[in-house]
Amino acid sequence: MTECVQVYTATESRASAVALAKGATEVRLAAGAQVVGPVTSLFWHLGEFGEGEEWQVIFKTTAARYPDLEAHLLEHHPWDNPEINAVPIVLGSAAGLDWIARSVAE
């Protein structure tokens, strides 16, 4: 079975989050995406502690498609250095994992 992952990033606005989700899904780098927010983020940035409101985007893809999805997100993300993380889906329904794999197959 193909290794599936969930890929996470965040943006400063709902509009930016939806644009990233739509763009990556339309070009089949992700089988789907969810926009969650707003969420409160607490972080260190440029040596200072910060707090802000963000919108989280969660993409469903395969490990094989991750490099292309990451490149797409880096090109289209409104931030210069966005956090982009992939987490393996350890367990899931066979039909759901198959849907992800088929949706992003090259």
PDB file of N, CA and C in Angstrom:
ATOM      1  N   MET A   1       0.842  -1.183   0.000  1.00  0.00           N
ATOM      2  CA  MET A   1       0.000   0.000   0.000  1.00  0.00           C
ATOM      3  C   MET A   1       0.885   1.244   0.000  1.00  0.00           C
ATOM      4  N   THR A   2       0.476   2.260  -0.699  1.00  0.00           N
ATOM      5  CA  THR A   2       1.207   3.516  -0.788  1.00  0.00           C
ATOM      6  C   THR A   2       1.196   4.236   0.548  1.00  0.00           C
ATOM      7  N   GLU A   3       2.338   4.816   0.942  1.00  0.00           N
ATOM      8  CA  GLU A   3       2.403   5.579   2.180  1.00  0.00           C
ATOM      9  C   GLU A   3       1.712   6.923   1.991  1.00  0.00           C
ATOM     10  N   CYS A   4       0.714   7.178   2.806  1.00  0.00           N
ATOM     11  CA  CYS A   4      -0.010   8.445   2.753  1.00  0.00           C
ATOM     12  C   CYS A   4       0.430   9.331   3.909  1.00  0.00           C
ATOM     13  N   VAL A   5       0.369  10.637   3.685  1.00  0.00           N
ATOM     14  CA  VAL A   5       0.763  11.612   4.697  1.00  0.00           C
ATOM     15  C   VAL A   5      -0.251  12.739   4.756  1.00  0.00           C
ATOM     16  N   GLN A   6      -0.271  13.404   5.910  1.00  0.00           N
ATOM     17  CA  GLN A   6      -0.984  14.664   6.033  1.00  0.00           C
ATOM     18  C   GLN A   6       0.086  15.744   6.129  1.00  0.00           C
ATOM     19  N   VAL A   7      -0.095  16.807   5.370  1.00  0.00           N
ATOM     20  CA  VAL A   7       0.872  17.898   5.309  1.00  0.00           C
ATOM     21  C   VAL A   7       0.212  19.139   5.904  1.00  0.00           C
ATOM     22  N   TYR A   8       0.918  19.798   6.808  1.00  0.00           N
ATOM     23  CA  TYR A   8       0.380  20.940   7.536  1.00  0.00           C
ATOM     24  C   TYR A   8       1.149  22.211   7.211  1.00  0.00           C
ATOM     25  N   THR A   9       0.410  23.302   7.074  1.00  0.00           N
ATOM     26  CA  THR A   9       0.982  24.633   7.037  1.00  0.00           C
ATOM     27  C   THR A   9      -0.060  25.582   7.607  1.00  0.00           C
ATOM     28  N   ALA A  10       0.281  26.847   7.705  1.00  0.00           N
ATOM     29  CA  ALA A  10      -0.659  27.844   8.219  1.00  0.00           C
ATOM     30  C   ALA A  10      -0.436  29.153   7.468  1.00  0.00           C
ATOM     31  N   THR A  11      -1.473  29.984   7.454  1.00  0.00           N
ATOM     32  CA  THR A  11      -1.391  31.304   6.827  1.00  0.00           C
ATOM     33  C   THR A  11      -2.048  32.328   7.742  1.00  0.00           C
ATOM     34  N   GLU A  12      -1.924  33.587   7.372  1.00  0.00           N
ATOM     35  CA  GLU A  12      -2.476  34.663   8.197  1.00  0.00           C
ATOM     36  C   GLU A  12      -3.952  34.925   7.946  1.00  0.00           C
ATOM     37  N   SER A  13      -4.512  34.367   6.878  1.00  0.00           N
ATOM     38  CA  SER A  13      -5.920  34.658   6.578  1.00  0.00           C
ATOM     39  C   SER A  13      -6.619  33.436   5.993  1.00  0.00           C
ATOM     40  N   ARG A  14      -7.935  33.422   6.133  1.00  0.00           N
ATOM     41  CA  ARG A  14      -8.745  32.347   5.561  1.00  0.00           C
ATOM     42  C   ARG A  14      -8.585  32.329   4.046  1.00  0.00           C
ATOM     43  N   ALA A  15      -8.591  33.498   3.422  1.00  0.00           N
ATOM     44  CA  ALA A  15      -8.473  33.579   1.964  1.00  0.00           C
ATOM     45  C   ALA A  15      -7.174  32.951   1.472  1.00  0.00           C
ATOM     46  N   SER A  16      -6.060  33.231   2.142  1.00  0.00           N
ATOM     47  CA  SER A  16      -4.777  32.637   1.754  1.00  0.00           C
ATOM     48  C   SER A  16      -4.786  31.128   1.945  1.00  0.00           C
ATOM     49  N   ALA A  17      -5.381  30.672   3.037  1.00  0.00           N
ATOM     50  CA  ALA A  17      -5.455  29.239   3.311  1.00  0.00           C
ATOM     51  C   ALA A  17      -6.288  28.527   2.248  1.00  0.00           C
ATOM     52  N   VAL A  18      -7.431  29.094   1.908  1.00  0.00           N
ATOM     53  CA  VAL A  18      -8.292  28.487   0.889  1.00  0.00           C
ATOM     54  C   VAL A  18      -7.589  28.483  -0.462  1.00  0.00           C
ATOM     55  N   ALA A  19      -6.883  29.560  -0.789  1.00  0.00           N
ATOM     56  CA  ALA A  19      -6.162  29.624  -2.066  1.00  0.00           C
ATOM     57  C   ALA A  19      -5.096  28.530  -2.143  1.00  0.00           C
ATOM     58  N   LEU A  20      -4.339  28.320  -1.060  1.00  0.00           N
ATOM     59  CA  LEU A  20      -3.334  27.251  -1.055  1.00  0.00           C
ATOM     60  C   LEU A  20      -3.996  25.888  -1.194  1.00  0.00           C
ATOM     61  N   ALA A  21      -5.071  25.672  -0.456  1.00  0.00           N
ATOM     62  CA  ALA A  21      -5.778  24.387  -0.500  1.00  0.00           C
ATOM     63  C   ALA A  21      -6.338  24.115  -1.890  1.00  0.00           C
ATOM     64  N   LYS A  22      -6.968  25.109  -2.467  1.00  0.00           N
ATOM     65  CA  LYS A  22      -7.573  24.949  -3.782  1.00  0.00           C
ATOM     66  C   LYS A  22      -6.509  24.717  -4.854  1.00  0.00           C
ATOM     67  N   GLY A  23      -5.460  25.518  -4.835  1.00  0.00           N
ATOM     68  CA  GLY A  23      -4.410  25.398  -5.847  1.00  0.00           C
ATOM     69  C   GLY A  23      -3.747  24.032  -5.849  1.00  0.00           C
ATOM     70  N   ALA A  24      -3.382  23.536  -4.666  1.00  0.00           N
ATOM     71  CA  ALA A  24      -2.701  22.246  -4.583  1.00  0.00           C
ATOM     72  C   ALA A  24      -3.625  21.089  -4.945  1.00  0.00           C
ATOM     73  N   THR A  25      -4.885  21.207  -4.581  1.00  0.00           N
ATOM     74  CA  THR A  25      -5.834  20.137  -4.875  1.00  0.00           C
ATOM     75  C   THR A  25      -6.198  20.124  -6.358  1.00  0.00           C
ATOM     76  N   GLU A  26      -6.370  21.300  -6.946  1.00  0.00           N
ATOM     77  CA  GLU A  26      -6.711  21.366  -8.371  1.00  0.00           C
ATOM     78  C   GLU A  26      -5.651  20.730  -9.264  1.00  0.00           C
ATOM     79  N   VAL A  27      -4.375  20.885  -8.889  1.00  0.00           N
ATOM     80  CA  VAL A  27      -3.306  20.302  -9.703  1.00  0.00           C
ATOM     81  C   VAL A  27      -2.922  18.901  -9.229  1.00  0.00           C
ATOM     82  N   ARG A  28      -3.745  18.323  -8.378  1.00  0.00           N
ATOM     83  CA  ARG A  28      -3.653  16.929  -7.926  1.00  0.00           C
ATOM     84  C   ARG A  28      -2.375  16.616  -7.139  1.00  0.00           C
ATOM     85  N   LEU A  29      -1.848  17.631  -6.441  1.00  0.00           N
ATOM     86  CA  LEU A  29      -0.757  17.382  -5.515  1.00  0.00           C
ATOM     87  C   LEU A  29      -1.299  16.911  -4.173  1.00  0.00           C
ATOM     88  N   ALA A  30      -2.576  17.175  -3.945  1.00  0.00           N
ATOM     89  CA  ALA A  30      -3.278  16.705  -2.754  1.00  0.00           C
ATOM     90  C   ALA A  30      -4.617  16.138  -3.195  1.00  0.00           C
ATOM     91  N   ALA A  31      -5.047  15.081  -2.511  1.00  0.00           N
ATOM     92  CA  ALA A  31      -6.359  14.502  -2.793  1.00  0.00           C
ATOM     93  C   ALA A  31      -7.451  15.417  -2.258  1.00  0.00           C
ATOM     94  N   GLY A  32      -7.125  16.138  -1.213  1.00  0.00           N
ATOM     95  CA  GLY A  32      -8.061  17.065  -0.598  1.00  0.00           C
ATOM     96  C   GLY A  32      -7.329  17.869   0.452  1.00  0.00           C
ATOM     97  N   ALA A  33      -7.993  18.896   0.937  1.00  0.00           N
ATOM     98  CA  ALA A  33      -7.394  19.737   1.968  1.00  0.00           C
ATOM     99  C   ALA A  33      -8.501  20.280   2.861  1.00  0.00           C
ATOM    100  N   GLN A  34      -8.147  20.546   4.085  1.00  0.00           N
ATOM    101  CA  GLN A  34      -9.072  21.151   5.032  1.00  0.00           C
ATOM    102  C   GLN A  34      -8.461  22.434   5.563  1.00  0.00           C
ATOM    103  N   VAL A  35      -9.294  23.443   5.702  1.00  0.00           N
ATOM    104  CA  VAL A  35      -8.882  24.715   6.285  1.00  0.00           C
ATOM    105  C   VAL A  35      -9.542  24.810   7.658  1.00  0.00           C
ATOM    106  N   VAL A  36      -8.725  25.034   8.669  1.00  0.00           N
ATOM    107  CA  VAL A  36      -9.194  25.080  10.051  1.00  0.00           C
ATOM    108  C   VAL A  36      -8.804  26.419  10.650  1.00  0.00           C
ATOM    109  N   GLY A  37      -9.750  27.064  11.296  1.00  0.00           N
ATOM    110  CA  GLY A  37      -9.364  28.308  11.954  1.00  0.00           C
ATOM    111  C   GLY A  37     -10.532  29.204  12.244  1.00  0.00           C
ATOM    112  N   PRO A  38     -10.192  30.302  12.815  1.00  0.00           N
ATOM    113  CA  PRO A  38      -8.822  30.685  13.179  1.00  0.00           C
ATOM    114  C   PRO A  38      -8.334  29.923  14.404  1.00  0.00           C
ATOM    115  N   VAL A  39      -7.019  29.787  14.483  1.00  0.00           N
ATOM    116  CA  VAL A  39      -6.365  29.176  15.634  1.00  0.00           C
ATOM    117  C   VAL A  39      -5.396  30.197  16.217  1.00  0.00           C
ATOM    118  N   THR A  40      -5.159  30.099  17.499  1.00  0.00           N
ATOM    119  CA  THR A  40      -4.189  30.975  18.155  1.00  0.00           C
ATOM    120  C   THR A  40      -2.843  30.279  18.141  1.00  0.00           C
ATOM    121  N   SER A  41      -1.829  30.954  17.653  1.00  0.00           N
ATOM    122  CA  SER A  41      -0.472  30.405  17.606  1.00  0.00           C
ATOM    123  C   SER A  41       0.427  31.185  18.553  1.00  0.00           C
ATOM    124  N   LEU A  42       1.247  30.464  19.286  1.00  0.00           N
ATOM    125  CA  LEU A  42       2.259  31.037  20.172  1.00  0.00           C
ATOM    126  C   LEU A  42       3.588  30.497  19.685  1.00  0.00           C
ATOM    127  N   PHE A  43       4.596  31.363  19.490  1.00  0.00           N
ATOM    128  CA  PHE A  43       5.796  30.922  18.785  1.00  0.00           C
ATOM    129  C   PHE A  43       6.986  31.830  19.081  1.00  0.00           C
ATOM    130  N   TRP A  44       8.151  31.308  18.728  1.00  0.00           N
ATOM    131  CA  TRP A  44       9.371  32.106  18.688  1.00  0.00           C
ATOM    132  C   TRP A  44       9.657  32.425  17.232  1.00  0.00           C
ATOM    133  N   HIS A  45       9.945  33.691  16.923  1.00  0.00           N
ATOM    134  CA  HIS A  45      10.258  34.108  15.560  1.00  0.00           C
ATOM    135  C   HIS A  45      11.251  35.262  15.615  1.00  0.00           C
ATOM    136  N   LEU A  46      12.369  35.096  14.914  1.00  0.00           N
ATOM    137  CA  LEU A  46      13.429  36.106  14.878  1.00  0.00           C
ATOM    138  C   LEU A  46      13.872  36.510  16.279  1.00  0.00           C
ATOM    139  N   GLY A  47      13.957  35.506  17.174  1.00  0.00           N
ATOM    140  CA  GLY A  47      14.436  35.740  18.526  1.00  0.00           C
ATOM    141  C   GLY A  47      13.427  36.342  19.485  1.00  0.00           C
ATOM    142  N   GLU A  48      12.206  36.512  19.050  1.00  0.00           N
ATOM    143  CA  GLU A  48      11.184  37.108  19.912  1.00  0.00           C
ATOM    144  C   GLU A  48       9.991  36.173  20.040  1.00  0.00           C
ATOM    145  N   PHE A  49       9.374  36.209  21.220  1.00  0.00           N
ATOM    146  CA  PHE A  49       8.166  35.431  21.457  1.00  0.00           C
ATOM    147  C   PHE A  49       6.986  36.175  20.848  1.00  0.00           C
ATOM    148  N   GLY A  50       6.113  35.438  20.173  1.00  0.00           N
ATOM    149  CA  GLY A  50       4.964  36.079  19.539  1.00  0.00           C
ATOM    150  C   GLY A  50       3.684  35.297  19.728  1.00  0.00           C
ATOM    151  N   GLU A  51       2.592  35.966  19.422  1.00  0.00           N
ATOM    152  CA  GLU A  51       1.264  35.367  19.464  1.00  0.00           C
ATOM    153  C   GLU A  51       0.491  35.926  18.279  1.00  0.00           C
ATOM    154  N   GLY A  52      -0.259  35.068  17.620  1.00  0.00           N
ATOM    155  CA  GLY A  52      -1.024  35.537  16.475  1.00  0.00           C
ATOM    156  C   GLY A  52      -2.165  34.599  16.143  1.00  0.00           C
ATOM    157  N   GLU A  53      -2.990  35.068  15.235  1.00  0.00           N
ATOM    158  CA  GLU A  53      -4.105  34.274  14.747  1.00  0.00           C
ATOM    159  C   GLU A  53      -3.741  33.747  13.361  1.00  0.00           C
ATOM    160  N   GLU A  54      -3.939  32.450  13.158  1.00  0.00           N
ATOM    161  CA  GLU A  54      -3.601  31.819  11.891  1.00  0.00           C
ATOM    162  C   GLU A  54      -4.720  30.882  11.458  1.00  0.00           C
ATOM    163  N   TRP A  55      -4.639  30.498  10.194  1.00  0.00           N
ATOM    164  CA  TRP A  55      -5.538  29.497   9.610  1.00  0.00           C
ATOM    165  C   TRP A  55      -4.681  28.321   9.202  1.00  0.00           C
ATOM    166  N   GLN A  56      -5.018  27.149   9.697  1.00  0.00           N
ATOM    167  CA  GLN A  56      -4.249  25.941   9.416  1.00  0.00           C
ATOM    168  C   GLN A  56      -4.805  25.261   8.165  1.00  0.00           C
ATOM    169  N   VAL A  57      -3.902  24.733   7.344  1.00  0.00           N
ATOM    170  CA  VAL A  57      -4.302  23.970   6.161  1.00  0.00           C
ATOM    171  C   VAL A  57      -3.703  22.577   6.291  1.00  0.00           C
ATOM    172  N   ILE A  58      -4.549  21.562   6.100  1.00  0.00           N
ATOM    173  CA  ILE A  58      -4.134  20.168   6.197  1.00  0.00           C
ATOM    174  C   ILE A  58      -4.399  19.506   4.849  1.00  0.00           C
ATOM    175  N   PHE A  59      -3.342  19.035   4.214  1.00  0.00           N
ATOM    176  CA  PHE A  59      -3.431  18.386   2.903  1.00  0.00           C
ATOM    177  C   PHE A  59      -3.303  16.879   3.070  1.00  0.00           C
ATOM    178  N   LYS A  60      -3.981  16.122   2.221  1.00  0.00           N
ATOM    179  CA  LYS A  60      -3.853  14.661   2.185  1.00  0.00           C
ATOM    180  C   LYS A  60      -3.165  14.286   0.875  1.00  0.00           C
ATOM    181  N   THR A  61      -2.013  13.606   0.983  1.00  0.00           N
ATOM    182  CA  THR A  61      -1.265  13.225  -0.208  1.00  0.00           C
ATOM    183  C   THR A  61      -0.449  11.972   0.082  1.00  0.00           C
ATOM    184  N   THR A  62       0.430  11.616  -0.839  1.00  0.00           N
ATOM    185  CA  THR A  62       1.325  10.478  -0.626  1.00  0.00           C
ATOM    186  C   THR A  62       2.740  10.987  -0.375  1.00  0.00           C
ATOM    187  N   ALA A  63       3.547  10.130   0.241  1.00  0.00           N
ATOM    188  CA  ALA A  63       4.943  10.490   0.482  1.00  0.00           C
ATOM    189  C   ALA A  63       5.657  10.773  -0.835  1.00  0.00           C
ATOM    190  N   ALA A  64       5.305  10.039  -1.874  1.00  0.00           N
ATOM    191  CA  ALA A  64       5.935  10.245  -3.182  1.00  0.00           C
ATOM    192  C   ALA A  64       5.603  11.611  -3.771  1.00  0.00           C
ATOM    193  N   ARG A  65       4.425  12.138  -3.489  1.00  0.00           N
ATOM    194  CA  ARG A  65       4.014  13.439  -4.038  1.00  0.00           C
ATOM    195  C   ARG A  65       4.397  14.605  -3.126  1.00  0.00           C
ATOM    196  N   TYR A  66       4.892  14.291  -1.915  1.00  0.00           N
ATOM    197  CA  TYR A  66       5.238  15.357  -0.979  1.00  0.00           C
ATOM    198  C   TYR A  66       6.229  16.374  -1.552  1.00  0.00           C
ATOM    199  N   PRO A  67       7.332  15.965  -2.178  1.00  0.00           N
ATOM    200  CA  PRO A  67       8.276  16.976  -2.675  1.00  0.00           C
ATOM    201  C   PRO A  67       7.629  17.984  -3.638  1.00  0.00           C
ATOM    202  N   ASP A  68       6.747  17.509  -4.512  1.00  0.00           N
ATOM    203  CA  ASP A  68       6.074  18.422  -5.444  1.00  0.00           C
ATOM    204  C   ASP A  68       5.087  19.323  -4.716  1.00  0.00           C
ATOM    205  N   LEU A  69       4.389  18.773  -3.720  1.00  0.00           N
ATOM    206  CA  LEU A  69       3.469  19.594  -2.931  1.00  0.00           C
ATOM    207  C   LEU A  69       4.240  20.647  -2.155  1.00  0.00           C
ATOM    208  N   GLU A  70       5.337  20.258  -1.543  1.00  0.00           N
ATOM    209  CA  GLU A  70       6.148  21.233  -0.799  1.00  0.00           C
ATOM    210  C   GLU A  70       6.631  22.361  -1.721  1.00  0.00           C
ATOM    211  N   ALA A  71       7.127  22.010  -2.892  1.00  0.00           N
ATOM    212  CA  ALA A  71       7.593  23.032  -3.844  1.00  0.00           C
ATOM    213  C   ALA A  71       6.451  23.973  -4.235  1.00  0.00           C
ATOM    214  N   HIS A  72       5.283  23.413  -4.469  1.00  0.00           N
ATOM    215  CA  HIS A  72       4.107  24.220  -4.825  1.00  0.00           C
ATOM    216  C   HIS A  72       3.750  25.175  -3.687  1.00  0.00           C
ATOM    217  N   LEU A  73       3.747  24.662  -2.460  1.00  0.00           N
ATOM    218  CA  LEU A  73       3.402  25.512  -1.318  1.00  0.00           C
ATOM    219  C   LEU A  73       4.432  26.612  -1.119  1.00  0.00           C
ATOM    220  N   LEU A  74       5.706  26.287  -1.247  1.00  0.00           N
ATOM    221  CA  LEU A  74       6.746  27.310  -1.095  1.00  0.00           C
ATOM    222  C   LEU A  74       6.616  28.397  -2.163  1.00  0.00           C
ATOM    223  N   GLU A  75       6.233  28.006  -3.364  1.00  0.00           N
ATOM    224  CA  GLU A  75       6.073  28.983  -4.450  1.00  0.00           C
ATOM    225  C   GLU A  75       4.858  29.888  -4.244  1.00  0.00           C
ATOM    226  N   HIS A  76       3.781  29.338  -3.686  1.00  0.00           N
ATOM    227  CA  HIS A  76       2.525  30.082  -3.602  1.00  0.00           C
ATOM    228  C   HIS A  76       2.183  30.609  -2.217  1.00  0.00           C
ATOM    229  N   HIS A  77       2.953  30.259  -1.216  1.00  0.00           N
ATOM    230  CA  HIS A  77       2.659  30.684   0.160  1.00  0.00           C
ATOM    231  C   HIS A  77       2.956  32.172   0.320  1.00  0.00           C
ATOM    232  N   PRO A  78       2.121  32.889   1.060  1.00  0.00           N
ATOM    233  CA  PRO A  78       2.368  34.328   1.237  1.00  0.00           C
ATOM    234  C   PRO A  78       3.556  34.638   2.157  1.00  0.00           C
ATOM    235  N   TRP A  79       4.029  33.691   2.924  1.00  0.00           N
ATOM    236  CA  TRP A  79       5.156  33.920   3.819  1.00  0.00           C
ATOM    237  C   TRP A  79       6.462  33.506   3.155  1.00  0.00           C
ATOM    238  N   ASP A  80       7.550  34.188   3.516  1.00  0.00           N
ATOM    239  CA  ASP A  80       8.866  33.890   2.948  1.00  0.00           C
ATOM    240  C   ASP A  80       9.403  32.533   3.387  1.00  0.00           C
ATOM    241  N   ASN A  81       9.129  32.149   4.622  1.00  0.00           N
ATOM    242  CA  ASN A  81       9.684  30.914   5.162  1.00  0.00           C
ATOM    243  C   ASN A  81       8.610  30.165   5.957  1.00  0.00           C
ATOM    244  N   PRO A  82       7.592  29.631   5.266  1.00  0.00           N
ATOM    245  CA  PRO A  82       6.503  28.978   5.997  1.00  0.00           C
ATOM    246  C   PRO A  82       6.912  27.627   6.564  1.00  0.00           C
ATOM    247  N   GLU A  83       6.299  27.283   7.665  1.00  0.00           N
ATOM    248  CA  GLU A  83       6.475  25.943   8.220  1.00  0.00           C
ATOM    249  C   GLU A  83       5.603  24.985   7.416  1.00  0.00           C
ATOM    250  N   ILE A  84       6.208  23.918   6.926  1.00  0.00           N
ATOM    251  CA  ILE A  84       5.496  22.873   6.182  1.00  0.00           C
ATOM    252  C   ILE A  84       5.981  21.545   6.741  1.00  0.00           C
ATOM    253  N   ASN A  85       5.054  20.758   7.296  1.00  0.00           N
ATOM    254  CA  ASN A  85       5.406  19.484   7.912  1.00  0.00           C
ATOM    255  C   ASN A  85       4.532  18.376   7.365  1.00  0.00           C
ATOM    256  N   ALA A  86       5.132  17.203   7.187  1.00  0.00           N
ATOM    257  CA  ALA A  86       4.382  16.014   6.769  1.00  0.00           C
ATOM    258  C   ALA A  86       4.404  14.998   7.907  1.00  0.00           C
ATOM    259  N   VAL A  87       3.237  14.429   8.156  1.00  0.00           N
ATOM    260  CA  VAL A  87       3.082  13.423   9.199  1.00  0.00           C
ATOM    261  C   VAL A  87       2.502  12.172   8.556  1.00  0.00           C
ATOM    262  N   PRO A  88       3.126  11.014   8.751  1.00  0.00           N
ATOM    263  CA  PRO A  88       2.590   9.794   8.131  1.00  0.00           C
ATOM    264  C   PRO A  88       1.226   9.431   8.712  1.00  0.00           C
ATOM    265  N   ILE A  89       0.373   8.925   7.845  1.00  0.00           N
ATOM    266  CA  ILE A  89      -0.894   8.356   8.295  1.00  0.00           C
ATOM    267  C   ILE A  89      -0.588   6.896   8.601  1.00  0.00           C
ATOM    268  N   VAL A  90      -0.518   6.564   9.849  1.00  0.00           N
ATOM    269  CA  VAL A  90      -0.104   5.238  10.277  1.00  0.00           C
ATOM    270  C   VAL A  90      -1.192   4.206   9.994  1.00  0.00           C
ATOM    271  N   LEU A  91      -2.409   4.552  10.291  1.00  0.00           N
ATOM    272  CA  LEU A  91      -3.548   3.673  10.055  1.00  0.00           C
ATOM    273  C   LEU A  91      -4.680   4.482   9.448  1.00  0.00           C
ATOM    274  N   GLY A  92      -5.484   3.827   8.626  1.00  0.00           N
ATOM    275  CA  GLY A  92      -6.642   4.480   8.030  1.00  0.00           C
ATOM    276  C   GLY A  92      -7.453   3.453   7.269  1.00  0.00           C
ATOM    277  N   SER A  93      -8.658   3.836   6.923  1.00  0.00           N
ATOM    278  CA  SER A  93      -9.487   2.903   6.169  1.00  0.00           C
ATOM    279  C   SER A  93      -8.850   2.645   4.811  1.00  0.00           C
ATOM    280  N   ALA A  94      -8.924   1.415   4.365  1.00  0.00           N
ATOM    281  CA  ALA A  94      -8.330   1.049   3.077  1.00  0.00           C
ATOM    282  C   ALA A  94      -8.909   1.892   1.954  1.00  0.00           C
ATOM    283  N   ALA A  95     -10.219   2.114   1.980  1.00  0.00           N
ATOM    284  CA  ALA A  95     -10.862   2.906   0.923  1.00  0.00           C
ATOM    285  C   ALA A  95     -10.377   4.350   0.944  1.00  0.00           C
ATOM    286  N   GLY A  96     -10.213   4.913   2.128  1.00  0.00           N
ATOM    287  CA  GLY A  96      -9.747   6.292   2.235  1.00  0.00           C
ATOM    288  C   GLY A  96      -8.318   6.456   1.763  1.00  0.00           C
ATOM    289  N   LEU A  97      -7.457   5.544   2.158  1.00  0.00           N
ATOM    290  CA  LEU A  97      -6.055   5.608   1.727  1.00  0.00           C
ATOM    291  C   LEU A  97      -5.926   5.368   0.228  1.00  0.00           C
ATOM    292  N   ASP A  98      -6.742   4.474  -0.300  1.00  0.00           N
ATOM    293  CA  ASP A  98      -6.748   4.229  -1.739  1.00  0.00           C
ATOM    294  C   ASP A  98      -7.203   5.477  -2.494  1.00  0.00           C
ATOM    295  N   TRP A  99      -8.210   6.167  -1.972  1.00  0.00           N
ATOM    296  CA  TRP A  99      -8.696   7.415  -2.590  1.00  0.00           C
ATOM    297  C   TRP A  99      -7.570   8.447  -2.664  1.00  0.00           C
ATOM    298  N   ILE A 100      -6.801   8.587  -1.572  1.00  0.00           N
ATOM    299  CA  ILE A 100      -5.691   9.534  -1.584  1.00  0.00           C
ATOM    300  C   ILE A 100      -4.698   9.145  -2.677  1.00  0.00           C
ATOM    301  N   ALA A 101      -4.290   7.890  -2.695  1.00  0.00           N
ATOM    302  CA  ALA A 101      -3.296   7.425  -3.663  1.00  0.00           C
ATOM    303  C   ALA A 101      -3.782   7.609  -5.099  1.00  0.00           C
ATOM    304  N   ARG A 102      -5.008   7.246  -5.373  1.00  0.00           N
ATOM    305  CA  ARG A 102      -5.546   7.378  -6.736  1.00  0.00           C
ATOM    306  C   ARG A 102      -5.690   8.844  -7.144  1.00  0.00           C
ATOM    307  N   SER A 103      -6.047   9.691  -6.207  1.00  0.00           N
ATOM    308  CA  SER A 103      -6.286  11.105  -6.525  1.00  0.00           C
ATOM    309  C   SER A 103      -5.021  11.853  -6.913  1.00  0.00           C
ATOM    310  N   VAL A 104      -3.887  11.445  -6.365  1.00  0.00           N
ATOM    311  CA  VAL A 104      -2.644  12.163  -6.645  1.00  0.00           C
ATOM    312  C   VAL A 104      -1.686  11.388  -7.549  1.00  0.00           C
ATOM    313  N   ALA A 105      -2.146  10.255  -8.065  1.00  0.00           N
ATOM    314  CA  ALA A 105      -1.287   9.453  -8.938  1.00  0.00           C
ATOM    315  C   ALA A 105      -0.894  10.253 -10.164  1.00  0.00           C
ATOM    316  N   GLU A 106       0.367  10.159 -10.532  1.00  0.00           N
ATOM    317  CA  GLU A 106       0.856  10.910 -11.698  1.00  0.00           C
ATOM    318  C   GLU A 106       0.469  10.203 -12.984  1.00  0.00           C
TER     319      GLU A 106
END
